[in-house]
Amino acid sequence: MREMVYNWFDRRLGLASLSKTLLDEPIPGGPSFVYVFGSAMLFLFTLQVVTGFSLMFFYSPGVDHAWESTRYILEEVNYGWLILSLHAWGGSAMVMVVFFHILQVFIWGAYKTPRELVWVMGIFLLILLNFMVFTGYLLPWDQRSYFAMGIALELLDKVPIIGDGLARFLKGGATRGVLSLSRFFTVHAMLLPAVLAIGAGIHLFLMRRVGPAGSIKAAGKVSEEENETFFYPGQVTKDMIFAGILLVILIIGASLYPAEVVEKASAEASDYNPRPEWYFIWIFQILRLPFFTGEIGEFIGGIVVPALLLGFLILVPFIDRNPERHPRRRMVAMSIMALFVIGFITLTVMGLLGVGE
């Protein structure tokens, strides 16, 4: 009976060819836990969609009810605190996983010909992810959300040509209020997930067209038997194990350090000291450095520096024309990336410690 049902659908949908396309992907060097980051991102994105939709049943995106509905989720809804905390922790986990994934791809030199477009699409997804976690951070409409939105709109207003108009549209009026929250909610819950899903599909399509680069070891001499190892079942098993480990970590983190909201948003509160989430605190710390003060300094530190970093990442495959993939044969590129990583970690630690406050 089972075979008859499968054959019926197979004749109409081509299930056999579809499963072959999806699962019979050669894995350079054989299955390994070093290849799990891509699937981990898919798992975390799915977790965000599931928990996000669950929260939408109770959340009200209006300035009169956003804070109250968030408190209601945390205090009244059965396991609401866990769902909201998993959603918050999942956003942080996505940022960490994509950071390590990009770093891994860079170290392996997997952005080189013919995989330039795969890399560029990956950086585009990184930008979208940052917008997604930031817009979600604003939705509880507490003091953190209110002041973070103000800082973001001020920085956006400094972007040449499109910044002023975009900031005015997102603000929705002379002050942050009903339209601001509604538009950020629309961007976070509807626009960005759809664009991210489409972008991830394009990223996967491009990668399957050119094939995975594999690790540095796999790029060398690999046996024919290893080269003929496919995505299913070996790599699928490792991806599922890693996803399970991630889920356990997220549940433990959400249980020990659940999400919380501070005081309700108010423009009159002048003693509140706004601090961003850890993944944006490096920009926050740049603006605290002595030579990034004033209008010009804030523009350079908040707009120019991040834009240069993103521009460098996008152009890496076209700048680094060295055909070698091994890190020891790409010392210039590796040194530049090391400086970026050290700078990011240093600024983040300084921000977390409150240096300069």
Protein backbone atom coordinates (compact mmCIF):
# COMPACT_ATOMS: atom_id res chain seq x y z
CA MET A 1 0.00 0.00 0.00
CA ARG A 2 2.78 2.38 0.94
CA GLU A 3 4.60 1.66 -2.32
CA MET A 4 1.42 2.20 -4.31
CA VAL A 5 0.84 5.60 -2.70
CA TYR A 6 4.47 6.61 -3.30
CA ASN A 7 4.31 5.50 -6.95
CA TRP A 8 1.06 7.44 -7.45
CA PHE A 9 2.63 10.67 -6.21
CA ASP A 10 5.94 9.92 -7.95
CA ARG A 11 4.27 9.69 -11.37
CA ARG A 12 2.66 13.09 -10.82
CA LEU A 13 5.35 14.98 -8.87
CA GLY A 14 8.59 13.22 -9.76
CA LEU A 15 9.48 12.45 -6.15
CA ALA A 16 12.31 10.09 -7.09
CA SER A 17 14.13 12.69 -9.20
CA LEU A 18 13.46 15.38 -6.59
CA SER A 19 14.90 13.29 -3.75
CA LYS A 20 17.90 12.45 -5.93
CA THR A 21 18.49 16.14 -6.59
CA LEU A 22 18.18 17.09 -2.91
CA LEU A 23 19.95 14.18 -1.24
CA ASP A 24 22.49 12.81 -3.71
CA GLU A 25 24.88 15.73 -3.44
CA PRO A 26 28.55 14.63 -3.36
CA ILE A 27 30.32 15.63 -0.14
CA PRO A 28 34.02 16.46 -0.71
CA GLY A 29 36.05 14.38 1.71
CA GLY A 30 32.98 12.65 3.09
CA PRO A 31 30.46 13.66 5.79
CA SER A 32 31.86 15.80 8.60
CA PHE A 33 30.69 18.04 11.43
CA VAL A 34 32.64 20.89 9.81
CA TYR A 35 29.89 21.07 7.17
CA VAL A 36 26.96 21.54 9.56
CA PHE A 37 26.70 25.35 9.66
CA GLY A 38 24.53 25.72 6.56
CA SER A 39 21.95 23.22 7.79
CA ALA A 40 22.17 24.75 11.27
CA MET A 41 21.12 28.10 9.80
CA LEU A 42 18.13 26.44 8.13
CA PHE A 43 17.16 24.79 11.42
CA LEU A 44 17.44 28.06 13.36
CA PHE A 45 15.47 29.96 10.73
CA THR A 46 12.71 27.34 10.94
CA LEU A 47 12.75 27.64 14.74
CA GLN A 48 12.40 31.42 14.45
CA VAL A 49 9.46 31.08 12.08
CA VAL A 50 7.67 28.56 14.32
CA THR A 51 8.23 30.51 17.55
CA GLY A 52 7.52 33.82 15.79
CA PHE A 53 4.16 32.66 14.45
CA SER A 54 3.30 31.28 17.90
CA LEU A 55 4.00 34.69 19.46
CA MET A 56 1.88 36.48 16.86
CA PHE A 57 -1.25 34.83 18.29
CA PHE A 58 -0.78 36.86 21.49
CA TYR A 59 1.27 39.92 20.49
CA SER A 60 -0.44 43.21 19.59
CA PRO A 61 1.73 45.56 17.46
CA GLY A 62 0.37 48.84 18.83
CA VAL A 63 1.95 51.32 21.23
CA ASP A 64 -0.99 50.93 23.61
CA HIS A 65 -0.75 47.14 23.82
CA ALA A 66 2.70 45.95 22.63
CA TRP A 67 4.32 46.19 26.06
CA GLU A 68 1.28 44.74 27.83
CA SER A 69 0.95 41.86 25.36
CA THR A 70 4.64 41.05 25.74
CA ARG A 71 4.24 40.97 29.51
CA TYR A 72 1.14 38.80 29.05
CA ILE A 73 3.13 36.31 26.96
CA LEU A 74 5.85 36.13 29.61
CA GLU A 75 3.60 35.91 32.65
CA GLU A 76 0.21 34.48 31.63
CA VAL A 77 0.50 32.34 28.49
CA ASN A 78 1.38 28.71 29.15
CA TYR A 79 5.08 28.34 28.30
CA GLY A 80 4.92 31.77 26.69
CA TRP A 81 8.12 32.75 28.48
CA LEU A 82 9.87 29.73 26.93
CA ILE A 83 8.64 30.46 23.40
CA LEU A 84 9.62 34.13 23.61
CA SER A 85 12.98 33.26 25.18
CA LEU A 86 13.68 30.63 22.51
CA HIS A 87 12.86 33.25 19.87
CA ALA A 88 15.28 35.72 21.45
CA TRP A 89 18.03 33.15 21.95
CA GLY A 90 17.45 31.82 18.45
CA GLY A 91 18.17 35.25 16.97
CA SER A 92 21.49 35.41 18.82
CA ALA A 93 22.29 31.85 17.74
CA MET A 94 21.66 32.73 14.08
CA VAL A 95 24.09 35.64 14.31
CA MET A 96 26.76 33.42 15.90
CA VAL A 97 26.31 30.55 13.44
CA VAL A 98 26.41 32.80 10.36
CA PHE A 99 29.52 34.55 11.79
CA PHE A 100 31.34 31.23 12.18
CA HIS A 101 30.08 30.03 8.79
CA ILE A 102 31.40 33.10 6.97
CA LEU A 103 34.69 32.89 8.88
CA GLN A 104 35.00 29.21 7.97
CA VAL A 105 34.30 29.86 4.28
CA PHE A 106 36.88 32.66 4.28
CA ILE A 107 39.57 30.55 5.96
CA TRP A 108 38.97 27.74 3.49
CA GLY A 109 39.08 30.14 0.55
CA ALA A 110 35.74 28.69 -0.59
CA TYR A 111 34.69 32.05 -2.06
CA LYS A 112 37.07 31.70 -4.99
CA THR A 113 36.15 30.94 -8.61
CA PRO A 114 33.55 29.71 -9.46
CA ARG A 115 31.81 30.43 -6.12
CA GLU A 116 31.89 34.25 -6.08
CA LEU A 117 28.10 34.59 -6.36
CA VAL A 118 27.55 32.07 -3.56
CA TRP A 119 29.71 34.24 -1.28
CA VAL A 120 28.05 37.51 -2.33
CA MET A 121 24.58 36.05 -1.68
CA GLY A 122 25.82 34.84 1.72
CA ILE A 123 26.88 38.38 2.66
CA PHE A 124 23.52 39.67 1.46
CA LEU A 125 21.82 37.16 3.78
CA LEU A 126 24.06 38.37 6.62
CA ILE A 127 22.83 41.94 6.08
CA LEU A 128 19.19 40.80 6.01
CA LEU A 129 19.72 38.76 9.18
CA ASN A 130 21.07 41.78 11.03
CA PHE A 131 18.02 43.81 10.01
CA MET A 132 15.76 40.97 11.09
CA VAL A 133 17.19 40.56 14.59
CA PHE A 134 17.29 44.33 15.06
CA THR A 135 13.67 44.92 14.06
CA GLY A 136 12.58 42.10 16.37
CA TYR A 137 14.49 43.73 19.21
CA LEU A 138 12.21 46.78 18.90
CA LEU A 139 8.84 45.06 19.18
CA PRO A 140 8.36 44.75 22.99
CA TRP A 141 8.07 48.58 23.07
CA ASP A 142 9.96 48.96 26.33
CA GLN A 143 12.66 51.52 27.08
CA ARG A 144 15.33 49.45 25.33
CA SER A 145 13.20 49.21 22.20
CA TYR A 146 12.26 52.88 22.19
CA PHE A 147 15.78 54.25 22.51
CA ALA A 148 17.27 51.64 20.17
CA MET A 149 14.74 52.69 17.53
CA GLY A 150 15.69 56.34 18.05
CA ILE A 151 19.42 55.65 17.64
CA ALA A 152 18.81 53.50 14.56
CA LEU A 153 16.64 56.14 12.89
CA GLU A 154 19.21 58.85 13.64
CA LEU A 155 21.96 56.76 12.02
CA LEU A 156 19.71 55.87 9.08
CA ASP A 157 18.95 59.55 8.55
CA LYS A 158 22.69 60.13 7.97
CA VAL A 159 22.84 57.72 5.02
CA PRO A 160 23.29 59.76 1.82
CA ILE A 161 20.44 60.06 -0.72
CA ILE A 162 18.01 57.43 0.64
CA GLY A 163 18.57 57.74 4.39
CA ASP A 164 16.33 60.71 5.15
CA GLY A 165 13.33 59.43 3.21
CA LEU A 166 13.63 55.90 4.59
CA ALA A 167 13.97 57.17 8.17
CA ARG A 168 10.88 59.36 7.75
CA PHE A 169 8.90 56.46 6.33
CA LEU A 170 9.84 54.07 9.16
CA LYS A 171 9.19 56.70 11.81
CA GLY A 172 5.78 57.42 10.30
CA GLY A 173 5.47 60.88 11.79
CA ALA A 174 7.19 63.60 13.78
CA THR A 175 7.84 61.25 16.70
CA ARG A 176 8.20 57.52 17.23
CA GLY A 177 4.78 56.01 17.81
CA VAL A 178 1.94 54.00 16.34
CA LEU A 179 3.11 53.91 12.72
CA SER A 180 6.75 53.37 13.72
CA LEU A 181 5.99 50.20 15.66
CA SER A 182 3.51 48.96 13.06
CA ARG A 183 5.99 49.38 10.22
CA PHE A 184 8.87 47.75 12.09
CA PHE A 185 6.56 44.85 12.95
CA THR A 186 5.57 44.48 9.28
CA VAL A 187 9.23 44.51 8.22
CA HIS A 188 10.23 41.99 10.90
CA ALA A 189 7.32 39.54 10.71
CA MET A 190 6.43 39.63 7.01
CA LEU A 191 8.89 41.34 4.67
CA LEU A 192 12.27 40.15 5.98
CA PRO A 193 11.34 36.47 6.54
CA ALA A 194 10.02 36.28 2.97
CA VAL A 195 13.11 37.94 1.50
CA LEU A 196 15.39 35.79 3.67
CA ALA A 197 13.65 32.61 2.52
CA ILE A 198 13.96 33.63 -1.13
CA GLY A 199 17.60 34.64 -0.63
CA ALA A 200 18.40 31.36 1.12
CA GLY A 201 16.81 29.48 -1.78
CA ILE A 202 18.95 31.39 -4.29
CA HIS A 203 22.03 30.80 -2.13
CA LEU A 204 21.35 27.05 -2.05
CA PHE A 205 20.62 26.97 -5.80
CA LEU A 206 23.91 28.72 -6.59
CA MET A 207 25.85 26.40 -4.30
CA ARG A 208 24.31 23.30 -5.86
CA ARG A 209 25.09 24.61 -9.35
CA VAL A 210 28.81 25.01 -8.67
CA GLY A 211 29.10 22.33 -5.96
CA PRO A 212 30.47 22.63 -2.42
CA ALA A 213 34.12 23.62 -2.15
CA GLY A 214 34.78 21.42 0.85
CA SER A 215 37.46 21.86 3.48
CA ILE A 216 41.15 22.52 2.86
CA LYS A 217 41.80 18.81 3.35
CA ALA A 218 39.09 17.89 0.87
CA ALA A 219 40.55 20.33 -1.68
CA GLY A 220 43.74 18.26 -1.75
CA LYS A 221 44.09 14.60 -2.51
CA VAL A 222 40.91 12.74 -1.63
CA SER A 223 40.19 9.13 -2.45
CA GLU A 224 37.58 8.28 -5.08
CA GLU A 225 35.59 6.43 -2.44
CA GLU A 226 35.39 9.61 -0.29
CA ASN A 227 34.48 11.72 -3.28
CA GLU A 228 31.51 9.46 -4.01
CA THR A 229 30.00 9.98 -0.52
CA PHE A 230 26.64 11.74 -0.72
CA PHE A 231 24.72 14.17 1.47
CA TYR A 232 22.28 11.45 2.56
CA PRO A 233 22.52 9.65 4.93
CA GLY A 234 25.93 10.48 6.43
CA GLN A 235 25.83 14.29 6.40
CA VAL A 236 22.11 14.42 7.16
CA THR A 237 22.75 12.42 10.34
CA LYS A 238 25.50 14.79 11.47
CA ASP A 239 23.35 17.83 10.66
CA MET A 240 20.49 16.42 12.74
CA ILE A 241 22.81 15.68 15.68
CA PHE A 242 24.16 19.23 15.60
CA ALA A 243 20.63 20.67 15.34
CA GLY A 244 19.64 18.60 18.38
CA ILE A 245 22.62 19.91 20.33
CA LEU A 246 21.71 23.48 19.34
CA LEU A 247 18.12 22.98 20.49
CA VAL A 248 19.25 21.65 23.88
CA ILE A 249 21.61 24.59 24.34
CA LEU A 250 18.88 27.07 23.41
CA ILE A 251 16.38 25.48 25.80
CA ILE A 252 18.94 25.55 28.64
CA GLY A 253 19.86 29.17 27.88
CA ALA A 254 16.20 30.21 27.62
CA SER A 255 15.45 28.49 30.94
CA LEU A 256 18.39 29.95 32.85
CA TYR A 257 18.23 33.43 31.29
CA PRO A 258 14.66 33.97 30.03
CA ALA A 259 13.63 37.01 28.01
CA GLU A 260 12.46 40.03 29.96
CA VAL A 261 11.08 43.49 29.36
CA VAL A 262 12.01 46.67 31.21
CA GLU A 263 9.84 49.72 31.78
CA LYS A 264 7.29 50.68 29.14
CA ALA A 265 8.57 52.99 26.42
CA SER A 266 8.41 56.66 27.31
CA ALA A 267 10.00 59.70 25.72
CA GLU A 268 10.05 61.43 29.10
CA ALA A 269 12.50 59.01 30.74
CA SER A 270 15.85 60.80 30.65
CA ASP A 271 17.85 58.63 33.05
CA TYR A 272 17.67 55.42 30.99
CA ASN A 273 21.06 54.29 29.63
CA PRO A 274 20.38 52.49 26.32
CA ARG A 275 22.56 49.52 25.42
CA PRO A 276 22.15 47.36 22.32
CA GLU A 277 22.28 43.57 22.13
CA TRP A 278 25.74 42.03 22.04
CA TYR A 279 25.77 41.58 18.24
CA PHE A 280 25.42 45.36 17.69
CA ILE A 281 27.47 46.57 20.61
CA TRP A 282 30.63 46.88 18.49
CA ILE A 283 29.00 49.72 16.53
CA PHE A 284 27.78 51.22 19.80
CA GLN A 285 31.35 51.11 21.14
CA ILE A 286 32.79 52.73 18.00
CA LEU A 287 30.55 55.74 18.61
CA ARG A 288 31.98 56.00 22.14
CA LEU A 289 35.56 56.36 20.89
CA PRO A 290 36.90 59.94 21.23
CA PHE A 291 37.50 60.49 17.51
CA PHE A 292 33.96 59.49 16.51
CA THR A 293 32.11 62.29 18.28
CA GLY A 294 29.95 64.99 16.72
CA GLU A 295 27.89 64.82 13.54
CA ILE A 296 30.79 63.90 11.26
CA GLY A 297 32.24 61.41 13.74
CA GLU A 298 28.90 59.66 14.21
CA PHE A 299 28.45 59.47 10.44
CA ILE A 300 31.90 57.92 9.98
CA GLY A 301 31.64 55.54 12.93
CA GLY A 302 28.02 54.52 12.51
CA ILE A 303 27.69 54.48 8.71
CA VAL A 304 31.05 54.63 6.91
CA VAL A 305 32.95 52.04 8.98
CA PRO A 306 30.21 49.33 8.79
CA ALA A 307 29.68 50.12 5.09
CA LEU A 308 33.40 49.72 4.37
CA LEU A 309 33.45 46.41 6.23
CA LEU A 310 30.46 45.10 4.27
CA GLY A 311 31.92 46.43 1.03
CA PHE A 312 35.17 44.60 1.71
CA LEU A 313 33.32 41.36 2.44
CA ILE A 314 31.26 41.62 -0.74
CA LEU A 315 34.32 42.37 -2.90
CA VAL A 316 36.61 39.74 -1.31
CA PRO A 317 36.27 37.21 -4.20
CA PHE A 318 37.10 39.92 -6.74
CA ILE A 319 39.97 41.45 -4.75
CA ASP A 320 41.68 38.21 -3.72
CA ARG A 321 42.78 36.76 -7.06
CA ASN A 322 45.27 34.37 -5.49
CA PRO A 323 44.24 30.92 -6.83
CA GLU A 324 45.51 29.18 -3.69
CA ARG A 325 42.99 28.18 -1.03
CA HIS A 326 45.27 27.17 1.83
CA PRO A 327 45.47 29.88 4.55
CA ARG A 328 49.28 29.69 4.68
CA ARG A 329 49.43 30.69 1.02
CA ARG A 330 47.01 33.61 1.52
CA MET A 331 48.73 35.53 4.29
CA VAL A 332 47.59 38.99 3.16
CA ALA A 333 43.91 38.05 3.07
CA MET A 334 44.16 36.11 6.32
CA SER A 335 45.92 39.03 8.05
CA ILE A 336 43.19 41.47 7.00
CA MET A 337 40.45 39.14 8.23
CA ALA A 338 42.34 38.57 11.49
CA LEU A 339 42.41 42.34 12.07
CA PHE A 340 38.65 42.56 11.47
CA VAL A 341 37.93 39.67 13.85
CA ILE A 342 40.22 41.02 16.57
CA GLY A 343 38.67 44.48 16.20
CA PHE A 344 35.13 43.07 16.40
CA ILE A 345 35.90 41.00 19.50
CA THR A 346 37.78 43.86 21.19
CA LEU A 347 35.00 46.40 20.58
CA THR A 348 32.35 43.90 21.72
CA VAL A 349 34.20 43.11 24.95
CA MET A 350 34.80 46.82 25.60
CA GLY A 351 31.11 47.50 25.08
CA LEU A 352 30.03 44.65 27.36
CA LEU A 353 32.40 45.89 30.08
CA GLY A 354 31.11 49.44 29.71
CA VAL A 355 34.44 50.99 28.72
CA GLY A 356 33.99 54.69 27.99
CA GLU A 357 30.64 55.08 29.71
